[in-house]
Amino acid sequence: MMDDVTAPSRAFLGIAVACLLPMLAPALALVLAGCSPTLKVEAPDKPIEINLNIKIEQEVRIKVERDLEKVFTEDPELFGIPGGGAAK
């Protein structure tokens, strides 16, 4: 298609683009700047809540199991386990 265009018209097209580009560049920059996303950082309205109940329950359970093991070894007949004193 460009073969149909004569050399003088190609030169004019190059000059026209070279002249228009400096004028259109600031307008293009403004248009692109208007499309840029904005980032908004805010503190949350509600406080952040971290639920640690699971860890606490597990810790309490381990402590209770250790205490029960200690009681079983000290007095197994108290809970109906035969062999009183054999575990010592």
C-alpha atoms as a PDB file:
ATOM      1  CA  MET A   1       0.000   0.000   0.000  1.00  0.00           C
ATOM      2  CA  MET A   2       2.832   2.390   0.745  1.00  0.00           C
ATOM      3  CA  ASP A   3       4.133   1.864  -2.785  1.00  0.00           C
ATOM      4  CA  ASP A   4       1.263   4.024  -4.110  1.00  0.00           C
ATOM      5  CA  VAL A   5       2.399   7.013  -2.049  1.00  0.00           C
ATOM      6  CA  THR A   6       4.899   9.234  -3.782  1.00  0.00           C
ATOM      7  CA  ALA A   7       8.127  10.352  -2.169  1.00  0.00           C
ATOM      8  CA  PRO A   8       6.996  13.966  -1.529  1.00  0.00           C
ATOM      9  CA  SER A   9       3.799  12.823   0.188  1.00  0.00           C
ATOM     10  CA  ARG A  10       5.835  10.406   2.356  1.00  0.00           C
ATOM     11  CA  ALA A  11       8.085  13.278   3.339  1.00  0.00           C
ATOM     12  CA  PHE A  12       5.049  15.425   4.197  1.00  0.00           C
ATOM     13  CA  LEU A  13       3.606  12.611   6.299  1.00  0.00           C
ATOM     14  CA  GLY A  14       6.883  12.327   8.215  1.00  0.00           C
ATOM     15  CA  ILE A  15       6.999  16.080   8.811  1.00  0.00           C
ATOM     16  CA  ALA A  16       3.360  16.126   9.937  1.00  0.00           C
ATOM     17  CA  VAL A  17       3.953  13.325  12.442  1.00  0.00           C
ATOM     18  CA  ALA A  18       7.133  14.989  13.684  1.00  0.00           C
ATOM     19  CA  CYS A  19       5.246  18.265  14.270  1.00  0.00           C
ATOM     20  CA  LEU A  20       2.143  16.776  15.849  1.00  0.00           C
ATOM     21  CA  LEU A  21       3.915  14.392  18.197  1.00  0.00           C
ATOM     22  CA  PRO A  22       5.352  17.080  20.535  1.00  0.00           C
ATOM     23  CA  MET A  23       1.921  18.702  20.736  1.00  0.00           C
ATOM     24  CA  LEU A  24       0.043  15.470  21.437  1.00  0.00           C
ATOM     25  CA  ALA A  25       2.513  14.016  23.941  1.00  0.00           C
ATOM     26  CA  PRO A  26       1.447  16.228  26.907  1.00  0.00           C
ATOM     27  CA  ALA A  27      -2.228  15.592  26.181  1.00  0.00           C
ATOM     28  CA  LEU A  28      -1.587  11.850  25.994  1.00  0.00           C
ATOM     29  CA  ALA A  29       0.334  12.011  29.288  1.00  0.00           C
ATOM     30  CA  LEU A  30      -2.597  13.764  30.992  1.00  0.00           C
ATOM     31  CA  VAL A  31      -5.071  11.203  29.693  1.00  0.00           C
ATOM     32  CA  LEU A  32      -2.912   8.301  30.886  1.00  0.00           C
ATOM     33  CA  ALA A  33      -2.330   9.935  34.292  1.00  0.00           C
ATOM     34  CA  GLY A  34      -6.098  10.294  34.736  1.00  0.00           C
ATOM     35  CA  CYS A  35      -6.541   6.561  34.198  1.00  0.00           C
ATOM     36  CA  SER A  36      -3.998   5.465  36.787  1.00  0.00           C
ATOM     37  CA  PRO A  37      -5.480   3.659  39.804  1.00  0.00           C
ATOM     38  CA  THR A  38      -5.305   5.304  43.202  1.00  0.00           C
ATOM     39  CA  LEU A  39      -4.268   3.492  46.357  1.00  0.00           C
ATOM     40  CA  LYS A  40      -6.067   4.392  49.569  1.00  0.00           C
ATOM     41  CA  VAL A  41      -4.732   3.192  52.924  1.00  0.00           C
ATOM     42  CA  GLU A  42      -7.041   3.485  55.940  1.00  0.00           C
ATOM     43  CA  ALA A  43      -7.187   2.059  59.417  1.00  0.00           C
ATOM     44  CA  PRO A  44     -10.062  -0.408  59.916  1.00  0.00           C
ATOM     45  CA  ASP A  45     -13.213   0.758  61.727  1.00  0.00           C
ATOM     46  CA  LYS A  46     -13.318  -2.317  63.964  1.00  0.00           C
ATOM     47  CA  PRO A  47     -10.363  -3.611  65.966  1.00  0.00           C
ATOM     48  CA  ILE A  48      -8.566  -6.655  64.637  1.00  0.00           C
ATOM     49  CA  GLU A  49      -9.596  -9.743  66.597  1.00  0.00           C
ATOM     50  CA  ILE A  50      -7.308 -12.746  66.863  1.00  0.00           C
ATOM     51  CA  ASN A  51      -8.972 -15.817  68.298  1.00  0.00           C
ATOM     52  CA  LEU A  52      -6.513 -17.870  70.381  1.00  0.00           C
ATOM     53  CA  ASN A  53      -9.032 -20.105  72.146  1.00  0.00           C
ATOM     54  CA  ILE A  54      -7.753 -23.279  70.465  1.00  0.00           C
ATOM     55  CA  LYS A  55      -4.215 -22.839  71.767  1.00  0.00           C
ATOM     56  CA  ILE A  56      -5.434 -22.114  75.285  1.00  0.00           C
ATOM     57  CA  GLU A  57      -7.729 -25.160  75.303  1.00  0.00           C
ATOM     58  CA  GLN A  58      -4.923 -27.411  74.142  1.00  0.00           C
ATOM     59  CA  GLU A  59      -2.572 -26.045  76.795  1.00  0.00           C
ATOM     60  CA  VAL A  60      -5.166 -26.568  79.544  1.00  0.00           C
ATOM     61  CA  ARG A  61      -5.876 -30.078  78.292  1.00  0.00           C
ATOM     62  CA  ILE A  62      -2.181 -31.015  78.379  1.00  0.00           C
ATOM     63  CA  LYS A  63      -1.858 -29.672  81.924  1.00  0.00           C
ATOM     64  CA  VAL A  64      -4.926 -31.642  83.070  1.00  0.00           C
ATOM     65  CA  GLU A  65      -3.628 -34.829  81.416  1.00  0.00           C
ATOM     66  CA  ARG A  66      -0.261 -34.437  83.171  1.00  0.00           C
ATOM     67  CA  ASP A  67      -1.962 -33.856  86.519  1.00  0.00           C
ATOM     68  CA  LEU A  68      -4.153 -36.942  86.008  1.00  0.00           C
ATOM     69  CA  GLU A  69      -1.148 -39.090  85.112  1.00  0.00           C
ATOM     70  CA  LYS A  70       0.547 -37.909  88.291  1.00  0.00           C
ATOM     71  CA  VAL A  71      -2.529 -38.768  90.390  1.00  0.00           C
ATOM     72  CA  PHE A  72      -2.851 -42.196  88.712  1.00  0.00           C
ATOM     73  CA  THR A  73       0.768 -43.036  89.510  1.00  0.00           C
ATOM     74  CA  GLU A  74       0.427 -41.834  93.118  1.00  0.00           C
ATOM     75  CA  ASP A  75      -2.862 -43.607  93.979  1.00  0.00           C
ATOM     76  CA  PRO A  76      -4.230 -45.868  91.174  1.00  0.00           C
ATOM     77  CA  GLU A  77      -6.833 -47.518  93.432  1.00  0.00           C
ATOM     78  CA  LEU A  78      -8.539 -44.142  93.895  1.00  0.00           C
ATOM     79  CA  PHE A  79      -9.912 -44.463  90.346  1.00  0.00           C
ATOM     80  CA  GLY A  80     -10.501 -48.226  90.495  1.00  0.00           C
ATOM     81  CA  ILE A  81      -7.304 -49.192  88.682  1.00  0.00           C
ATOM     82  CA  PRO A  82      -5.845 -52.406  90.156  1.00  0.00           C
ATOM     83  CA  GLY A  83      -2.172 -52.673  91.115  1.00  0.00           C
ATOM     84  CA  GLY A  84      -1.901 -50.069  93.838  1.00  0.00           C
ATOM     85  CA  GLY A  85       1.675 -48.986  94.220  1.00  0.00           C
ATOM     86  CA  ALA A  86       3.048 -51.245  91.461  1.00  0.00           C
ATOM     87  CA  ALA A  87       3.578 -48.315  89.082  1.00  0.00           C
ATOM     88  CA  LYS A  88       5.900 -46.546  91.519  1.00  0.00           C
END
